[in-house]
Amino acid sequence: MTIHRLLLLQNIPLSPEDIGRLVTAYETTLKSLELTSRSDPITEIVARKVIEIGQTGVRDPLQISKLAIRALGQTVR
């Protein structure tokens, strides 16, 4: 899974709860964007955006997802 790999590579100190929130936001965002293939390069862009937003202090996975979609230039449904 892309987001797990990125979290490990960036060596960001996160609690298990924080990781769970980011993974949930990531999965929600991929579903909203109808991205099913984890090998699609856009999934890494999505993961990076979710992590970036999560680092701003937003804690609600749904809110992180909505902000990520907006930042990626998509319309939230």
PDB file of N, CA and C in Angstrom:
ATOM      1  N   MET A   1       0.847  -1.184   0.000  1.00  0.00           N
ATOM      2  CA  MET A   1       0.000   0.000   0.000  1.00  0.00           C
ATOM      3  C   MET A   1       0.888   1.241   0.000  1.00  0.00           C
ATOM      4  N   THR A   2       0.592   2.157  -0.842  1.00  0.00           N
ATOM      5  CA  THR A   2       1.410   3.339  -1.043  1.00  0.00           C
ATOM      6  C   THR A   2       1.571   4.187   0.206  1.00  0.00           C
ATOM      7  N   ILE A   3       0.522   4.445   0.920  1.00  0.00           N
ATOM      8  CA  ILE A   3       0.622   5.355   2.060  1.00  0.00           C
ATOM      9  C   ILE A   3       1.507   4.769   3.159  1.00  0.00           C
ATOM     10  N   HIS A   4       1.446   3.463   3.384  1.00  0.00           N
ATOM     11  CA  HIS A   4       2.311   2.846   4.388  1.00  0.00           C
ATOM     12  C   HIS A   4       3.778   3.013   4.007  1.00  0.00           C
ATOM     13  N   ARG A   5       4.086   2.788   2.747  1.00  0.00           N
ATOM     14  CA  ARG A   5       5.461   2.927   2.267  1.00  0.00           C
ATOM     15  C   ARG A   5       5.951   4.355   2.438  1.00  0.00           C
ATOM     16  N   LEU A   6       5.129   5.309   2.100  1.00  0.00           N
ATOM     17  CA  LEU A   6       5.521   6.715   2.242  1.00  0.00           C
ATOM     18  C   LEU A   6       5.729   7.106   3.706  1.00  0.00           C
ATOM     19  N   LEU A   7       4.871   6.623   4.572  1.00  0.00           N
ATOM     20  CA  LEU A   7       5.023   6.932   5.992  1.00  0.00           C
ATOM     21  C   LEU A   7       6.340   6.366   6.527  1.00  0.00           C
ATOM     22  N   LEU A   8       6.704   5.173   6.070  1.00  0.00           N
ATOM     23  CA  LEU A   8       7.973   4.583   6.493  1.00  0.00           C
ATOM     24  C   LEU A   8       9.158   5.350   5.932  1.00  0.00           C
ATOM     25  N   LEU A   9       9.079   5.733   4.670  1.00  0.00           N
ATOM     26  CA  LEU A   9      10.182   6.453   4.029  1.00  0.00           C
ATOM     27  C   LEU A   9      10.404   7.838   4.630  1.00  0.00           C
ATOM     28  N   GLN A  10       9.327   8.494   5.004  1.00  0.00           N
ATOM     29  CA  GLN A  10       9.432   9.843   5.543  1.00  0.00           C
ATOM     30  C   GLN A  10       9.797   9.838   7.018  1.00  0.00           C
ATOM     31  N   ASN A  11       9.715   8.662   7.634  1.00  0.00           N
ATOM     32  CA  ASN A  11      10.082   8.520   9.041  1.00  0.00           C
ATOM     33  C   ASN A  11       9.398   9.564   9.920  1.00  0.00           C
ATOM     34  N   ILE A  12       8.103   9.713   9.704  1.00  0.00           N
ATOM     35  CA  ILE A  12       7.299  10.675  10.455  1.00  0.00           C
ATOM     36  C   ILE A  12       6.852  10.007  11.761  1.00  0.00           C
ATOM     37  N   PRO A  13       7.108  10.635  12.906  1.00  0.00           N
ATOM     38  CA  PRO A  13       6.671  10.027  14.164  1.00  0.00           C
ATOM     39  C   PRO A  13       5.152  10.155  14.346  1.00  0.00           C
ATOM     40  N   LEU A  14       4.455   9.045  14.191  1.00  0.00           N
ATOM     41  CA  LEU A  14       2.999   9.032  14.298  1.00  0.00           C
ATOM     42  C   LEU A  14       2.562   7.915  15.239  1.00  0.00           C
ATOM     43  N   SER A  15       1.489   8.164  15.942  1.00  0.00           N
ATOM     44  CA  SER A  15       0.906   7.137  16.794  1.00  0.00           C
ATOM     45  C   SER A  15       0.120   6.165  15.909  1.00  0.00           C
ATOM     46  N   PRO A  16      -0.174   4.976  16.424  1.00  0.00           N
ATOM     47  CA  PRO A  16      -1.009   4.046  15.647  1.00  0.00           C
ATOM     48  C   PRO A  16      -2.359   4.661  15.262  1.00  0.00           C
ATOM     49  N   GLU A  17      -2.910   5.508  16.140  1.00  0.00           N
ATOM     50  CA  GLU A  17      -4.187   6.162  15.833  1.00  0.00           C
ATOM     51  C   GLU A  17      -4.031   7.136  14.665  1.00  0.00           C
ATOM     52  N   ASP A  18      -2.924   7.879  14.650  1.00  0.00           N
ATOM     53  CA  ASP A  18      -2.666   8.807  13.544  1.00  0.00           C
ATOM     54  C   ASP A  18      -2.524   8.051  12.226  1.00  0.00           C
ATOM     55  N   ILE A  19      -1.793   6.960  12.265  1.00  0.00           N
ATOM     56  CA  ILE A  19      -1.616   6.146  11.055  1.00  0.00           C
ATOM     57  C   ILE A  19      -2.970   5.620  10.586  1.00  0.00           C
ATOM     58  N   GLY A  20      -3.774   5.155  11.509  1.00  0.00           N
ATOM     59  CA  GLY A  20      -5.108   4.667  11.155  1.00  0.00           C
ATOM     60  C   GLY A  20      -5.959   5.736  10.504  1.00  0.00           C
ATOM     61  N   ARG A  21      -5.899   6.956  11.037  1.00  0.00           N
ATOM     62  CA  ARG A  21      -6.661   8.077  10.452  1.00  0.00           C
ATOM     63  C   ARG A  21      -6.191   8.369   9.035  1.00  0.00           C
ATOM     64  N   LEU A  22      -4.883   8.380   8.822  1.00  0.00           N
ATOM     65  CA  LEU A  22      -4.354   8.675   7.493  1.00  0.00           C
ATOM     66  C   LEU A  22      -4.699   7.572   6.495  1.00  0.00           C
ATOM     67  N   VAL A  23      -4.610   6.331   6.923  1.00  0.00           N
ATOM     68  CA  VAL A  23      -4.959   5.222   6.038  1.00  0.00           C
ATOM     69  C   VAL A  23      -6.444   5.282   5.682  1.00  0.00           C
ATOM     70  N   THR A  24      -7.289   5.570   6.658  1.00  0.00           N
ATOM     71  CA  THR A  24      -8.723   5.700   6.395  1.00  0.00           C
ATOM     72  C   THR A  24      -8.990   6.843   5.416  1.00  0.00           C
ATOM     73  N   ALA A  25      -8.334   7.973   5.624  1.00  0.00           N
ATOM     74  CA  ALA A  25      -8.503   9.120   4.724  1.00  0.00           C
ATOM     75  C   ALA A  25      -8.018   8.776   3.316  1.00  0.00           C
ATOM     76  N   TYR A  26      -6.912   8.079   3.233  1.00  0.00           N
ATOM     77  CA  TYR A  26      -6.343   7.660   1.944  1.00  0.00           C
ATOM     78  C   TYR A  26      -7.324   6.746   1.206  1.00  0.00           C
ATOM     79  N   GLU A  27      -7.814   5.723   1.900  1.00  0.00           N
ATOM     80  CA  GLU A  27      -8.753   4.780   1.286  1.00  0.00           C
ATOM     81  C   GLU A  27     -10.041   5.485   0.862  1.00  0.00           C
ATOM     82  N   THR A  28     -10.526   6.394   1.693  1.00  0.00           N
ATOM     83  CA  THR A  28     -11.743   7.148   1.367  1.00  0.00           C
ATOM     84  C   THR A  28     -11.526   8.005   0.123  1.00  0.00           C
ATOM     85  N   THR A  29     -10.369   8.630   0.051  1.00  0.00           N
ATOM     86  CA  THR A  29     -10.048   9.481  -1.095  1.00  0.00           C
ATOM     87  C   THR A  29      -9.952   8.663  -2.371  1.00  0.00           C
ATOM     88  N   LEU A  30      -9.268   7.531  -2.306  1.00  0.00           N
ATOM     89  CA  LEU A  30      -9.158   6.673  -3.494  1.00  0.00           C
ATOM     90  C   LEU A  30     -10.539   6.214  -3.958  1.00  0.00           C
ATOM     91  N   LYS A  31     -11.389   5.845  -3.016  1.00  0.00           N
ATOM     92  CA  LYS A  31     -12.740   5.402  -3.373  1.00  0.00           C
ATOM     93  C   LYS A  31     -13.527   6.546  -4.028  1.00  0.00           C
ATOM     94  N   SER A  32     -13.422   7.749  -3.456  1.00  0.00           N
ATOM     95  CA  SER A  32     -14.129   8.905  -4.015  1.00  0.00           C
ATOM     96  C   SER A  32     -13.654   9.235  -5.424  1.00  0.00           C
ATOM     97  N   LEU A  33     -12.362   9.025  -5.669  1.00  0.00           N
ATOM     98  CA  LEU A  33     -11.798   9.313  -6.988  1.00  0.00           C
ATOM     99  C   LEU A  33     -11.892   8.119  -7.934  1.00  0.00           C
ATOM    100  N   GLU A  34     -12.504   7.029  -7.439  1.00  0.00           N
ATOM    101  CA  GLU A  34     -12.671   5.804  -8.219  1.00  0.00           C
ATOM    102  C   GLU A  34     -11.343   5.249  -8.710  1.00  0.00           C
ATOM    103  N   LEU A  35     -10.348   5.303  -7.833  1.00  0.00           N
ATOM    104  CA  LEU A  35      -9.031   4.738  -8.133  1.00  0.00           C
ATOM    105  C   LEU A  35      -8.946   3.371  -7.461  1.00  0.00           C
ATOM    106  N   THR A  36      -8.885   2.326  -8.265  1.00  0.00           N
ATOM    107  CA  THR A  36      -8.875   0.976  -7.711  1.00  0.00           C
ATOM    108  C   THR A  36      -7.513   0.303  -7.799  1.00  0.00           C
ATOM    109  N   SER A  37      -6.689   0.738  -8.716  1.00  0.00           N
ATOM    110  CA  SER A  37      -5.374   0.122  -8.903  1.00  0.00           C
ATOM    111  C   SER A  37      -4.319   0.835  -8.060  1.00  0.00           C
ATOM    112  N   ARG A  38      -3.736   0.100  -7.116  1.00  0.00           N
ATOM    113  CA  ARG A  38      -2.694   0.687  -6.262  1.00  0.00           C
ATOM    114  C   ARG A  38      -1.402   0.928  -7.041  1.00  0.00           C
ATOM    115  N   SER A  39      -1.311   0.362  -8.248  1.00  0.00           N
ATOM    116  CA  SER A  39      -0.123   0.587  -9.070  1.00  0.00           C
ATOM    117  C   SER A  39      -0.243   1.858  -9.916  1.00  0.00           C
ATOM    118  N   ASP A  40      -1.416   2.484  -9.911  1.00  0.00           N
ATOM    119  CA  ASP A  40      -1.623   3.738 -10.628  1.00  0.00           C
ATOM    120  C   ASP A  40      -0.780   4.825  -9.951  1.00  0.00           C
ATOM    121  N   PRO A  41       0.060   5.524 -10.692  1.00  0.00           N
ATOM    122  CA  PRO A  41       0.939   6.543 -10.099  1.00  0.00           C
ATOM    123  C   PRO A  41       0.196   7.650  -9.345  1.00  0.00           C
ATOM    124  N   ILE A  42      -1.048   7.896  -9.689  1.00  0.00           N
ATOM    125  CA  ILE A  42      -1.802   8.953  -9.004  1.00  0.00           C
ATOM    126  C   ILE A  42      -2.030   8.595  -7.535  1.00  0.00           C
ATOM    127  N   THR A  43      -2.020   7.304  -7.205  1.00  0.00           N
ATOM    128  CA  THR A  43      -2.248   6.917  -5.808  1.00  0.00           C
ATOM    129  C   THR A  43      -1.132   7.426  -4.893  1.00  0.00           C
ATOM    130  N   GLU A  44       0.077   7.536  -5.418  1.00  0.00           N
ATOM    131  CA  GLU A  44       1.168   8.093  -4.612  1.00  0.00           C
ATOM    132  C   GLU A  44       0.961   9.592  -4.395  1.00  0.00           C
ATOM    133  N   ILE A  45       0.468  10.278  -5.404  1.00  0.00           N
ATOM    134  CA  ILE A  45       0.168  11.707  -5.265  1.00  0.00           C
ATOM    135  C   ILE A  45      -0.928  11.893  -4.217  1.00  0.00           C
ATOM    136  N   VAL A  46      -1.936  11.039  -4.264  1.00  0.00           N
ATOM    137  CA  VAL A  46      -3.012  11.094  -3.275  1.00  0.00           C
ATOM    138  C   VAL A  46      -2.451  10.853  -1.872  1.00  0.00           C
ATOM    139  N   ALA A  47      -1.612   9.848  -1.728  1.00  0.00           N
ATOM    140  CA  ALA A  47      -1.031   9.532  -0.423  1.00  0.00           C
ATOM    141  C   ALA A  47      -0.217  10.705   0.119  1.00  0.00           C
ATOM    142  N   ARG A  48       0.582  11.313  -0.725  1.00  0.00           N
ATOM    143  CA  ARG A  48       1.390  12.458  -0.288  1.00  0.00           C
ATOM    144  C   ARG A  48       0.501  13.620   0.171  1.00  0.00           C
ATOM    145  N   LYS A  49      -0.575  13.853  -0.548  1.00  0.00           N
ATOM    146  CA  LYS A  49      -1.481  14.943  -0.191  1.00  0.00           C
ATOM    147  C   LYS A  49      -2.191  14.641   1.125  1.00  0.00           C
ATOM    148  N   VAL A  50      -2.633  13.410   1.317  1.00  0.00           N
ATOM    149  CA  VAL A  50      -3.291  13.014   2.562  1.00  0.00           C
ATOM    150  C   VAL A  50      -2.337  13.194   3.736  1.00  0.00           C
ATOM    151  N   ILE A  51      -1.099  12.764   3.582  1.00  0.00           N
ATOM    152  CA  ILE A  51      -0.097  12.924   4.647  1.00  0.00           C
ATOM    153  C   ILE A  51       0.141  14.398   4.934  1.00  0.00           C
ATOM    154  N   GLU A  52       0.288  15.176   3.882  1.00  0.00           N
ATOM    155  CA  GLU A  52       0.517  16.622   4.042  1.00  0.00           C
ATOM    156  C   GLU A  52      -0.618  17.277   4.836  1.00  0.00           C
ATOM    157  N   ILE A  53      -1.839  16.958   4.482  1.00  0.00           N
ATOM    158  CA  ILE A  53      -2.993  17.541   5.179  1.00  0.00           C
ATOM    159  C   ILE A  53      -3.070  17.026   6.611  1.00  0.00           C
ATOM    160  N   GLY A  54      -2.790  15.751   6.799  1.00  0.00           N
ATOM    161  CA  GLY A  54      -2.795  15.183   8.140  1.00  0.00           C
ATOM    162  C   GLY A  54      -1.786  15.844   9.063  1.00  0.00           C
ATOM    163  N   GLN A  55      -0.697  16.326   8.506  1.00  0.00           N
ATOM    164  CA  GLN A  55       0.337  16.989   9.300  1.00  0.00           C
ATOM    165  C   GLN A  55      -0.050  18.408   9.703  1.00  0.00           C
ATOM    166  N   THR A  56      -1.129  18.924   9.145  1.00  0.00           N
ATOM    167  CA  THR A  56      -1.562  20.284   9.498  1.00  0.00           C
ATOM    168  C   THR A  56      -2.406  20.307  10.761  1.00  0.00           C
ATOM    169  N   GLY A  57      -2.731  19.124  11.279  1.00  0.00           N
ATOM    170  CA  GLY A  57      -3.519  19.064  12.503  1.00  0.00           C
ATOM    171  C   GLY A  57      -4.951  18.620  12.291  1.00  0.00           C
ATOM    172  N   VAL A  58      -5.384  18.472  11.052  1.00  0.00           N
ATOM    173  CA  VAL A  58      -6.730  17.974  10.785  1.00  0.00           C
ATOM    174  C   VAL A  58      -6.738  16.503  11.194  1.00  0.00           C
ATOM    175  N   ARG A  59      -7.710  16.114  12.015  1.00  0.00           N
ATOM    176  CA  ARG A  59      -7.713  14.759  12.557  1.00  0.00           C
ATOM    177  C   ARG A  59      -8.840  13.881  12.026  1.00  0.00           C
ATOM    178  N   ASP A  60      -9.873  14.462  11.483  1.00  0.00           N
ATOM    179  CA  ASP A  60     -11.003  13.689  10.983  1.00  0.00           C
ATOM    180  C   ASP A  60     -10.674  13.126   9.597  1.00  0.00           C
ATOM    181  N   PRO A  61     -10.688  11.791   9.430  1.00  0.00           N
ATOM    182  CA  PRO A  61     -10.339  11.204   8.133  1.00  0.00           C
ATOM    183  C   PRO A  61     -11.208  11.698   6.978  1.00  0.00           C
ATOM    184  N   LEU A  62     -12.492  11.890   7.232  1.00  0.00           N
ATOM    185  CA  LEU A  62     -13.375  12.372   6.166  1.00  0.00           C
ATOM    186  C   LEU A  62     -12.997  13.792   5.749  1.00  0.00           C
ATOM    187  N   GLN A  63     -12.668  14.625   6.719  1.00  0.00           N
ATOM    188  CA  GLN A  63     -12.251  15.994   6.412  1.00  0.00           C
ATOM    189  C   GLN A  63     -10.917  16.003   5.658  1.00  0.00           C
ATOM    190  N   ILE A  64      -9.988  15.149   6.082  1.00  0.00           N
ATOM    191  CA  ILE A  64      -8.706  15.041   5.380  1.00  0.00           C
ATOM    192  C   ILE A  64      -8.958  14.646   3.930  1.00  0.00           C
ATOM    193  N   SER A  65      -9.836  13.669   3.732  1.00  0.00           N
ATOM    194  CA  SER A  65     -10.155  13.214   2.384  1.00  0.00           C
ATOM    195  C   SER A  65     -10.751  14.333   1.537  1.00  0.00           C
ATOM    196  N   LYS A  66     -11.718  15.046   2.095  1.00  0.00           N
ATOM    197  CA  LYS A  66     -12.344  16.151   1.347  1.00  0.00           C
ATOM    198  C   LYS A  66     -11.322  17.223   0.980  1.00  0.00           C
ATOM    199  N   LEU A  67     -10.457  17.560   1.922  1.00  0.00           N
ATOM    200  CA  LEU A  67      -9.426  18.564   1.649  1.00  0.00           C
ATOM    201  C   LEU A  67      -8.438  18.074   0.596  1.00  0.00           C
ATOM    202  N   ALA A  68      -8.106  16.802   0.641  1.00  0.00           N
ATOM    203  CA  ALA A  68      -7.190  16.237  -0.354  1.00  0.00           C
ATOM    204  C   ALA A  68      -7.809  16.286  -1.743  1.00  0.00           C
ATOM    205  N   ILE A  69      -9.077  15.927  -1.830  1.00  0.00           N
ATOM    206  CA  ILE A  69      -9.755  15.950  -3.128  1.00  0.00           C
ATOM    207  C   ILE A  69      -9.797  17.372  -3.675  1.00  0.00           C
ATOM    208  N   ARG A  70     -10.132  18.311  -2.820  1.00  0.00           N
ATOM    209  CA  ARG A  70     -10.144  19.718  -3.260  1.00  0.00           C
ATOM    210  C   ARG A  70      -8.757  20.155  -3.717  1.00  0.00           C
ATOM    211  N   ALA A  71      -7.755  19.801  -2.950  1.00  0.00           N
ATOM    212  CA  ALA A  71      -6.386  20.204  -3.286  1.00  0.00           C
ATOM    213  C   ALA A  71      -5.922  19.551  -4.596  1.00  0.00           C
ATOM    214  N   LEU A  72      -6.440  18.402  -4.890  1.00  0.00           N
ATOM    215  CA  LEU A  72      -6.089  17.714  -6.127  1.00  0.00           C
ATOM    216  C   LEU A  72      -6.915  18.208  -7.302  1.00  0.00           C
ATOM    217  N   GLY A  73      -7.816  19.142  -7.041  1.00  0.00           N
ATOM    218  CA  GLY A  73      -8.574  19.753  -8.137  1.00  0.00           C
ATOM    219  C   GLY A  73      -9.827  18.995  -8.529  1.00  0.00           C
ATOM    220  N   GLN A  74     -10.308  18.131  -7.643  1.00  0.00           N
ATOM    221  CA  GLN A  74     -11.517  17.380  -7.932  1.00  0.00           C
ATOM    222  C   GLN A  74     -12.684  17.968  -7.169  1.00  0.00           C
ATOM    223  N   THR A  75     -13.881  17.655  -7.582  1.00  0.00           N
ATOM    224  CA  THR A  75     -15.086  18.088  -6.890  1.00  0.00           C
ATOM    225  C   THR A  75     -15.488  17.032  -5.880  1.00  0.00           C
ATOM    226  N   VAL A  76     -15.737  17.452  -4.657  1.00  0.00           N
ATOM    227  CA  VAL A  76     -16.203  16.531  -3.630  1.00  0.00           C
ATOM    228  C   VAL A  76     -17.653  16.197  -3.916  1.00  0.00           C
ATOM    229  N   ARG A  77     -17.977  14.915  -3.875  1.00  0.00           N
ATOM    230  CA  ARG A  77     -19.351  14.473  -4.182  1.00  0.00           C
ATOM    231  C   ARG A  77     -20.202  14.523  -2.969  1.00  0.00           C
TER     232      ARG A  77
END
